[in-house]
Amino acid sequence: MTEMEVLSVMQSSILVATKLAAPILLLSMIIGLIISIIQAATQINEQTITFVPKLFLIALILLLAGSWMLQTMSDFTKDIFRMMLG
């Protein structure tokens, strides 16, 4: 492999990892921010309140977008093996 091919594989792997992690991370960050604003307004300072909504949100995201995530990772893996073999 040339240096450009290695850099291309690294760039595409970072892009795939970002595409797969972004929905979960962004939505859990948004729900955490919303809950922290509610906690600040109501002065309830319980740390475990954010855990359950984030857990349900992540499970919902994985149910809705799990097939897309699996297909994206499968396509990337096939491309990597195709590059190794040919």
PDB file of N, CA and C in Angstrom:
ATOM      1  N   MET A   1       0.837  -1.183   0.000  1.00  0.00           N
ATOM      2  CA  MET A   1       0.000   0.000   0.000  1.00  0.00           C
ATOM      3  C   MET A   1       0.880   1.244   0.000  1.00  0.00           C
ATOM      4  N   THR A   2       0.435   2.210  -0.741  1.00  0.00           N
ATOM      5  CA  THR A   2       1.163   3.470  -0.753  1.00  0.00           C
ATOM      6  C   THR A   2       0.729   4.319   0.429  1.00  0.00           C
ATOM      7  N   GLU A   3       1.456   5.375   0.626  1.00  0.00           N
ATOM      8  CA  GLU A   3       1.143   6.278   1.734  1.00  0.00           C
ATOM      9  C   GLU A   3      -0.222   6.930   1.544  1.00  0.00           C
ATOM     10  N   MET A   4      -0.563   7.252   0.314  1.00  0.00           N
ATOM     11  CA  MET A   4      -1.862   7.873   0.041  1.00  0.00           C
ATOM     12  C   MET A   4      -3.025   6.911   0.308  1.00  0.00           C
ATOM     13  N   GLU A   5      -2.827   5.636   0.007  1.00  0.00           N
ATOM     14  CA  GLU A   5      -3.873   4.652   0.280  1.00  0.00           C
ATOM     15  C   GLU A   5      -4.086   4.481   1.776  1.00  0.00           C
ATOM     16  N   VAL A   6      -2.998   4.471   2.529  1.00  0.00           N
ATOM     17  CA  VAL A   6      -3.095   4.351   3.989  1.00  0.00           C
ATOM     18  C   VAL A   6      -3.823   5.562   4.568  1.00  0.00           C
ATOM     19  N   LEU A   7      -3.477   6.737   4.101  1.00  0.00           N
ATOM     20  CA  LEU A   7      -4.155   7.946   4.578  1.00  0.00           C
ATOM     21  C   LEU A   7      -5.629   7.946   4.192  1.00  0.00           C
ATOM     22  N   SER A   8      -5.936   7.418   3.021  1.00  0.00           N
ATOM     23  CA  SER A   8      -7.327   7.333   2.592  1.00  0.00           C
ATOM     24  C   SER A   8      -8.121   6.376   3.477  1.00  0.00           C
ATOM     25  N   VAL A   9      -7.524   5.238   3.815  1.00  0.00           N
ATOM     26  CA  VAL A   9      -8.189   4.280   4.706  1.00  0.00           C
ATOM     27  C   VAL A   9      -8.385   4.887   6.095  1.00  0.00           C
ATOM     28  N   MET A  10      -7.378   5.578   6.587  1.00  0.00           N
ATOM     29  CA  MET A  10      -7.505   6.207   7.906  1.00  0.00           C
ATOM     30  C   MET A  10      -8.592   7.280   7.892  1.00  0.00           C
ATOM     31  N   GLN A  11      -8.639   8.066   6.834  1.00  0.00           N
ATOM     32  CA  GLN A  11      -9.653   9.108   6.737  1.00  0.00           C
ATOM     33  C   GLN A  11     -11.052   8.510   6.664  1.00  0.00           C
ATOM     34  N   SER A  12     -11.217   7.473   5.874  1.00  0.00           N
ATOM     35  CA  SER A  12     -12.540   6.855   5.767  1.00  0.00           C
ATOM     36  C   SER A  12     -12.940   6.153   7.061  1.00  0.00           C
ATOM     37  N   SER A  13     -11.979   5.590   7.784  1.00  0.00           N
ATOM     38  CA  SER A  13     -12.323   4.950   9.056  1.00  0.00           C
ATOM     39  C   SER A  13     -12.752   5.975  10.096  1.00  0.00           C
ATOM     40  N   ILE A  14     -12.110   7.118  10.114  1.00  0.00           N
ATOM     41  CA  ILE A  14     -12.518   8.186  11.035  1.00  0.00           C
ATOM     42  C   ILE A  14     -13.896   8.705  10.658  1.00  0.00           C
ATOM     43  N   LEU A  15     -14.157   8.824   9.364  1.00  0.00           N
ATOM     44  CA  LEU A  15     -15.466   9.284   8.900  1.00  0.00           C
ATOM     45  C   LEU A  15     -16.567   8.295   9.272  1.00  0.00           C
ATOM     46  N   VAL A  16     -16.319   7.016   9.098  1.00  0.00           N
ATOM     47  CA  VAL A  16     -17.308   5.991   9.458  1.00  0.00           C
ATOM     48  C   VAL A  16     -17.548   5.984  10.963  1.00  0.00           C
ATOM     49  N   ALA A  17     -16.482   6.071  11.742  1.00  0.00           N
ATOM     50  CA  ALA A  17     -16.632   6.085  13.201  1.00  0.00           C
ATOM     51  C   ALA A  17     -17.435   7.305  13.652  1.00  0.00           C
ATOM     52  N   THR A  18     -17.196   8.440  13.025  1.00  0.00           N
ATOM     53  CA  THR A  18     -17.939   9.654  13.366  1.00  0.00           C
ATOM     54  C   THR A  18     -19.405   9.520  12.976  1.00  0.00           C
ATOM     55  N   LYS A  19     -19.673   8.965  11.793  1.00  0.00           N
ATOM     56  CA  LYS A  19     -21.056   8.778  11.363  1.00  0.00           C
ATOM     57  C   LYS A  19     -21.807   7.821  12.271  1.00  0.00           C
ATOM     58  N   LEU A  20     -21.125   6.810  12.783  1.00  0.00           N
ATOM     59  CA  LEU A  20     -21.797   5.840  13.639  1.00  0.00           C
ATOM     60  C   LEU A  20     -22.005   6.361  15.059  1.00  0.00           C
ATOM     61  N   ALA A  21     -21.059   7.130  15.561  1.00  0.00           N
ATOM     62  CA  ALA A  21     -21.144   7.591  16.946  1.00  0.00           C
ATOM     63  C   ALA A  21     -21.938   8.887  17.104  1.00  0.00           C
ATOM     64  N   ALA A  22     -22.010   9.694  16.059  1.00  0.00           N
ATOM     65  CA  ALA A  22     -22.620  11.019  16.171  1.00  0.00           C
ATOM     66  C   ALA A  22     -24.080  11.007  16.621  1.00  0.00           C
ATOM     67  N   PRO A  23     -24.953  10.182  16.051  1.00  0.00           N
ATOM     68  CA  PRO A  23     -26.349  10.242  16.507  1.00  0.00           C
ATOM     69  C   PRO A  23     -26.509   9.940  17.990  1.00  0.00           C
ATOM     70  N   ILE A  24     -25.821   8.932  18.464  1.00  0.00           N
ATOM     71  CA  ILE A  24     -25.944   8.550  19.874  1.00  0.00           C
ATOM     72  C   ILE A  24     -25.365   9.639  20.772  1.00  0.00           C
ATOM     73  N   LEU A  25     -24.174  10.108  20.438  1.00  0.00           N
ATOM     74  CA  LEU A  25     -23.523  11.095  21.287  1.00  0.00           C
ATOM     75  C   LEU A  25     -24.253  12.431  21.295  1.00  0.00           C
ATOM     76  N   LEU A  26     -24.669  12.894  20.119  1.00  0.00           N
ATOM     77  CA  LEU A  26     -25.338  14.191  20.057  1.00  0.00           C
ATOM     78  C   LEU A  26     -26.685  14.174  20.770  1.00  0.00           C
ATOM     79  N   LEU A  27     -27.485  13.150  20.537  1.00  0.00           N
ATOM     80  CA  LEU A  27     -28.785  13.104  21.180  1.00  0.00           C
ATOM     81  C   LEU A  27     -28.698  12.871  22.682  1.00  0.00           C
ATOM     82  N   SER A  28     -27.733  12.078  23.131  1.00  0.00           N
ATOM     83  CA  SER A  28     -27.585  11.909  24.579  1.00  0.00           C
ATOM     84  C   SER A  28     -27.063  13.191  25.226  1.00  0.00           C
ATOM     85  N   MET A  29     -26.239  13.949  24.502  1.00  0.00           N
ATOM     86  CA  MET A  29     -25.785  15.226  25.030  1.00  0.00           C
ATOM     87  C   MET A  29     -26.947  16.225  25.113  1.00  0.00           C
ATOM     88  N   ILE A  30     -27.812  16.231  24.103  1.00  0.00           N
ATOM     89  CA  ILE A  30     -28.962  17.137  24.105  1.00  0.00           C
ATOM     90  C   ILE A  30     -29.921  16.783  25.236  1.00  0.00           C
ATOM     91  N   ILE A  31     -30.222  15.492  25.414  1.00  0.00           N
ATOM     92  CA  ILE A  31     -31.132  15.101  26.492  1.00  0.00           C
ATOM     93  C   ILE A  31     -30.519  15.405  27.856  1.00  0.00           C
ATOM     94  N   GLY A  32     -29.210  15.239  27.989  1.00  0.00           N
ATOM     95  CA  GLY A  32     -28.547  15.593  29.241  1.00  0.00           C
ATOM     96  C   GLY A  32     -28.623  17.082  29.526  1.00  0.00           C
ATOM     97  N   LEU A  33     -28.479  17.892  28.487  1.00  0.00           N
ATOM     98  CA  LEU A  33     -28.581  19.341  28.650  1.00  0.00           C
ATOM     99  C   LEU A  33     -29.990  19.756  29.049  1.00  0.00           C
ATOM    100  N   ILE A  34     -30.981  19.163  28.415  1.00  0.00           N
ATOM    101  CA  ILE A  34     -32.377  19.479  28.747  1.00  0.00           C
ATOM    102  C   ILE A  34     -32.686  19.094  30.187  1.00  0.00           C
ATOM    103  N   ILE A  35     -32.248  17.917  30.590  1.00  0.00           N
ATOM    104  CA  ILE A  35     -32.515  17.473  31.963  1.00  0.00           C
ATOM    105  C   ILE A  35     -31.756  18.324  32.967  1.00  0.00           C
ATOM    106  N   SER A  36     -30.551  18.742  32.633  1.00  0.00           N
ATOM    107  CA  SER A  36     -29.804  19.594  33.567  1.00  0.00           C
ATOM    108  C   SER A  36     -30.449  20.967  33.699  1.00  0.00           C
ATOM    109  N   ILE A  37     -31.052  21.479  32.628  1.00  0.00           N
ATOM    110  CA  ILE A  37     -31.774  22.751  32.722  1.00  0.00           C
ATOM    111  C   ILE A  37     -33.001  22.587  33.607  1.00  0.00           C
ATOM    112  N   ILE A  38     -33.712  21.468  33.442  1.00  0.00           N
ATOM    113  CA  ILE A  38     -34.877  21.199  34.297  1.00  0.00           C
ATOM    114  C   ILE A  38     -34.437  21.052  35.749  1.00  0.00           C
ATOM    115  N   GLN A  39     -33.319  20.370  35.983  1.00  0.00           N
ATOM    116  CA  GLN A  39     -32.818  20.211  37.352  1.00  0.00           C
ATOM    117  C   GLN A  39     -32.419  21.558  37.946  1.00  0.00           C
ATOM    118  N   ALA A  40     -31.831  22.425  37.154  1.00  0.00           N
ATOM    119  CA  ALA A  40     -31.437  23.739  37.661  1.00  0.00           C
ATOM    120  C   ALA A  40     -32.669  24.580  37.977  1.00  0.00           C
ATOM    121  N   ALA A  41     -33.708  24.447  37.162  1.00  0.00           N
ATOM    122  CA  ALA A  41     -34.924  25.229  37.394  1.00  0.00           C
ATOM    123  C   ALA A  41     -35.687  24.732  38.614  1.00  0.00           C
ATOM    124  N   THR A  42     -35.684  23.426  38.836  1.00  0.00           N
ATOM    125  CA  THR A  42     -36.431  22.873  39.965  1.00  0.00           C
ATOM    126  C   THR A  42     -35.570  22.657  41.201  1.00  0.00           C
ATOM    127  N   GLN A  43     -34.270  22.879  41.077  1.00  0.00           N
ATOM    128  CA  GLN A  43     -33.301  22.707  42.156  1.00  0.00           C
ATOM    129  C   GLN A  43     -33.269  21.269  42.685  1.00  0.00           C
ATOM    130  N   ILE A  44     -33.505  20.318  41.807  1.00  0.00           N
ATOM    131  CA  ILE A  44     -33.349  18.909  42.150  1.00  0.00           C
ATOM    132  C   ILE A  44     -31.960  18.513  41.676  1.00  0.00           C
ATOM    133  N   ASN A  45     -31.069  18.192  42.584  1.00  0.00           N
ATOM    134  CA  ASN A  45     -29.685  17.903  42.236  1.00  0.00           C
ATOM    135  C   ASN A  45     -29.353  16.418  42.359  1.00  0.00           C
ATOM    136  N   GLU A  46     -30.169  15.599  41.769  1.00  0.00           N
ATOM    137  CA  GLU A  46     -29.941  14.160  41.786  1.00  0.00           C
ATOM    138  C   GLU A  46     -29.195  13.764  40.515  1.00  0.00           C
ATOM    139  N   GLN A  47     -28.061  13.101  40.677  1.00  0.00           N
ATOM    140  CA  GLN A  47     -27.217  12.763  39.536  1.00  0.00           C
ATOM    141  C   GLN A  47     -27.773  11.611  38.704  1.00  0.00           C
ATOM    142  N   THR A  48     -28.577  10.761  39.297  1.00  0.00           N
ATOM    143  CA  THR A  48     -29.052   9.574  38.576  1.00  0.00           C
ATOM    144  C   THR A  48     -30.275   9.858  37.710  1.00  0.00           C
ATOM    145  N   ILE A  49     -30.843  11.050  37.783  1.00  0.00           N
ATOM    146  CA  ILE A  49     -32.036  11.360  36.993  1.00  0.00           C
ATOM    147  C   ILE A  49     -31.729  11.344  35.498  1.00  0.00           C
ATOM    148  N   THR A  50     -30.553  11.742  35.090  1.00  0.00           N
ATOM    149  CA  THR A  50     -30.231  11.778  33.663  1.00  0.00           C
ATOM    150  C   THR A  50     -29.947  10.400  33.087  1.00  0.00           C
ATOM    151  N   PHE A  51     -29.657   9.437  33.934  1.00  0.00           N
ATOM    152  CA  PHE A  51     -29.254   8.115  33.443  1.00  0.00           C
ATOM    153  C   PHE A  51     -30.376   7.391  32.714  1.00  0.00           C
ATOM    154  N   VAL A  52     -31.556   7.337  33.288  1.00  0.00           N
ATOM    155  CA  VAL A  52     -32.659   6.566  32.719  1.00  0.00           C
ATOM    156  C   VAL A  52     -33.129   7.139  31.383  1.00  0.00           C
ATOM    157  N   PRO A  53     -33.369   8.448  31.255  1.00  0.00           N
ATOM    158  CA  PRO A  53     -33.759   8.959  29.932  1.00  0.00           C
ATOM    159  C   PRO A  53     -32.691   8.747  28.863  1.00  0.00           C
ATOM    160  N   LYS A  54     -31.426   8.891  29.235  1.00  0.00           N
ATOM    161  CA  LYS A  54     -30.359   8.647  28.264  1.00  0.00           C
ATOM    162  C   LYS A  54     -30.335   7.183  27.850  1.00  0.00           C
ATOM    163  N   LEU A  55     -30.550   6.292  28.786  1.00  0.00           N
ATOM    164  CA  LEU A  55     -30.576   4.860  28.484  1.00  0.00           C
ATOM    165  C   LEU A  55     -31.699   4.527  27.510  1.00  0.00           C
ATOM    166  N   PHE A  56     -32.893   5.072  27.765  1.00  0.00           N
ATOM    167  CA  PHE A  56     -34.011   4.833  26.863  1.00  0.00           C
ATOM    168  C   PHE A  56     -33.772   5.458  25.489  1.00  0.00           C
ATOM    169  N   LEU A  57     -33.192   6.643  25.459  1.00  0.00           N
ATOM    170  CA  LEU A  57     -32.919   7.316  24.197  1.00  0.00           C
ATOM    171  C   LEU A  57     -31.895   6.536  23.366  1.00  0.00           C
ATOM    172  N   ILE A  58     -30.853   6.062  24.001  1.00  0.00           N
ATOM    173  CA  ILE A  58     -29.833   5.290  23.283  1.00  0.00           C
ATOM    174  C   ILE A  58     -30.429   3.982  22.760  1.00  0.00           C
ATOM    175  N   ALA A  59     -31.269   3.329  23.555  1.00  0.00           N
ATOM    176  CA  ALA A  59     -31.925   2.104  23.092  1.00  0.00           C
ATOM    177  C   ALA A  59     -32.840   2.394  21.911  1.00  0.00           C
ATOM    178  N   LEU A  60     -33.549   3.509  21.952  1.00  0.00           N
ATOM    179  CA  LEU A  60     -34.431   3.893  20.854  1.00  0.00           C
ATOM    180  C   LEU A  60     -33.635   4.202  19.582  1.00  0.00           C
ATOM    181  N   ILE A  61     -32.535   4.907  19.748  1.00  0.00           N
ATOM    182  CA  ILE A  61     -31.677   5.217  18.589  1.00  0.00           C
ATOM    183  C   ILE A  61     -31.132   3.935  17.977  1.00  0.00           C
ATOM    184  N   LEU A  62     -30.686   3.016  18.807  1.00  0.00           N
ATOM    185  CA  LEU A  62     -30.152   1.759  18.283  1.00  0.00           C
ATOM    186  C   LEU A  62     -31.231   0.932  17.597  1.00  0.00           C
ATOM    187  N   LEU A  63     -32.456   0.987  18.099  1.00  0.00           N
ATOM    188  CA  LEU A  63     -33.544   0.270  17.435  1.00  0.00           C
ATOM    189  C   LEU A  63     -33.889   0.900  16.093  1.00  0.00           C
ATOM    190  N   LEU A  64     -33.897   2.225  16.036  1.00  0.00           N
ATOM    191  CA  LEU A  64     -34.285   2.908  14.804  1.00  0.00           C
ATOM    192  C   LEU A  64     -33.161   2.950  13.775  1.00  0.00           C
ATOM    193  N   ALA A  65     -31.944   3.188  14.218  1.00  0.00           N
ATOM    194  CA  ALA A  65     -30.833   3.376  13.289  1.00  0.00           C
ATOM    195  C   ALA A  65     -29.844   2.214  13.301  1.00  0.00           C
ATOM    196  N   GLY A  66     -30.145   1.175  14.018  1.00  0.00           N
ATOM    197  CA  GLY A  66     -29.210   0.056  14.131  1.00  0.00           C
ATOM    198  C   GLY A  66     -28.925  -0.627  12.810  1.00  0.00           C
ATOM    199  N   SER A  67     -29.955  -0.791  11.979  1.00  0.00           N
ATOM    200  CA  SER A  67     -29.738  -1.451  10.686  1.00  0.00           C
ATOM    201  C   SER A  67     -28.871  -0.584   9.778  1.00  0.00           C
ATOM    202  N   TRP A  68     -29.080   0.729   9.823  1.00  0.00           N
ATOM    203  CA  TRP A  68     -28.235   1.636   9.040  1.00  0.00           C
ATOM    204  C   TRP A  68     -26.792   1.585   9.535  1.00  0.00           C
ATOM    205  N   MET A  69     -26.606   1.563  10.847  1.00  0.00           N
ATOM    206  CA  MET A  69     -25.263   1.495  11.414  1.00  0.00           C
ATOM    207  C   MET A  69     -24.577   0.188  11.024  1.00  0.00           C
ATOM    208  N   LEU A  70     -25.310  -0.910  11.096  1.00  0.00           N
ATOM    209  CA  LEU A  70     -24.748  -2.211  10.726  1.00  0.00           C
ATOM    210  C   LEU A  70     -24.390  -2.247   9.246  1.00  0.00           C
ATOM    211  N   GLN A  71     -25.254  -1.690   8.404  1.00  0.00           N
ATOM    212  CA  GLN A  71     -24.983  -1.671   6.974  1.00  0.00           C
ATOM    213  C   GLN A  71     -23.763  -0.805   6.650  1.00  0.00           C
ATOM    214  N   THR A  72     -23.639   0.335   7.319  1.00  0.00           N
ATOM    215  CA  THR A  72     -22.487   1.213   7.112  1.00  0.00           C
ATOM    216  C   THR A  72     -21.193   0.510   7.507  1.00  0.00           C
ATOM    217  N   MET A  73     -21.204  -0.132   8.658  1.00  0.00           N
ATOM    218  CA  MET A  73     -20.007  -0.844   9.115  1.00  0.00           C
ATOM    219  C   MET A  73     -19.697  -2.042   8.222  1.00  0.00           C
ATOM    220  N   SER A  74     -20.724  -2.732   7.767  1.00  0.00           N
ATOM    221  CA  SER A  74     -20.525  -3.870   6.873  1.00  0.00           C
ATOM    222  C   SER A  74     -19.930  -3.423   5.536  1.00  0.00           C
ATOM    223  N   ASP A  75     -20.431  -2.336   4.979  1.00  0.00           N
ATOM    224  CA  ASP A  75     -19.881  -1.815   3.720  1.00  0.00           C
ATOM    225  C   ASP A  75     -18.424  -1.394   3.882  1.00  0.00           C
ATOM    226  N   PHE A  76     -18.124  -0.754   4.996  1.00  0.00           N
ATOM    227  CA  PHE A  76     -16.746  -0.330   5.248  1.00  0.00           C
ATOM    228  C   PHE A  76     -15.819  -1.541   5.375  1.00  0.00           C
ATOM    229  N   THR A  77     -16.277  -2.561   6.085  1.00  0.00           N
ATOM    230  CA  THR A  77     -15.468  -3.771   6.258  1.00  0.00           C
ATOM    231  C   THR A  77     -15.241  -4.469   4.927  1.00  0.00           C
ATOM    232  N   LYS A  78     -16.281  -4.551   4.105  1.00  0.00           N
ATOM    233  CA  LYS A  78     -16.139  -5.155   2.777  1.00  0.00           C
ATOM    234  C   LYS A  78     -15.133  -4.376   1.933  1.00  0.00           C
ATOM    235  N   ASP A  79     -15.183  -3.046   2.010  1.00  0.00           N
ATOM    236  CA  ASP A  79     -14.224  -2.229   1.259  1.00  0.00           C
ATOM    237  C   ASP A  79     -12.792  -2.476   1.728  1.00  0.00           C
ATOM    238  N   ILE A  80     -12.600  -2.607   3.017  1.00  0.00           N
ATOM    239  CA  ILE A  80     -11.262  -2.861   3.551  1.00  0.00           C
ATOM    240  C   ILE A  80     -10.738  -4.217   3.067  1.00  0.00           C
ATOM    241  N   PHE A  81     -11.588  -5.260   3.130  1.00  0.00           N
ATOM    242  CA  PHE A  81     -11.165  -6.578   2.665  1.00  0.00           C
ATOM    243  C   PHE A  81     -10.915  -6.577   1.150  1.00  0.00           C
ATOM    244  N   ARG A  82     -11.729  -5.828   0.408  1.00  0.00           N
ATOM    245  CA  ARG A  82     -11.537  -5.731  -1.035  1.00  0.00           C
ATOM    246  C   ARG A  82     -10.197  -5.086  -1.350  1.00  0.00           C
ATOM    247  N   MET A  83      -9.816  -4.085  -0.562  1.00  0.00           N
ATOM    248  CA  MET A  83      -8.517  -3.432  -0.764  1.00  0.00           C
ATOM    249  C   MET A  83      -7.367  -4.374  -0.426  1.00  0.00           C
ATOM    250  N   MET A  84      -7.558  -5.211   0.603  1.00  0.00           N
ATOM    251  CA  MET A  84      -6.487  -6.128   1.004  1.00  0.00           C
ATOM    252  C   MET A  84      -6.281  -7.239  -0.025  1.00  0.00           C
ATOM    253  N   LEU A  85      -7.375  -7.690  -0.627  1.00  0.00           N
ATOM    254  CA  LEU A  85      -7.285  -8.819  -1.553  1.00  0.00           C
ATOM    255  C   LEU A  85      -6.932  -8.397  -2.973  1.00  0.00           C
ATOM    256  N   GLY A  86      -7.270  -7.210  -3.341  1.00  0.00           N
ATOM    257  CA  GLY A  86      -7.038  -6.869  -4.735  1.00  0.00           C
ATOM    258  C   GLY A  86      -6.512  -5.539  -4.873  1.00  0.00           C
TER     259      GLY A  86
END
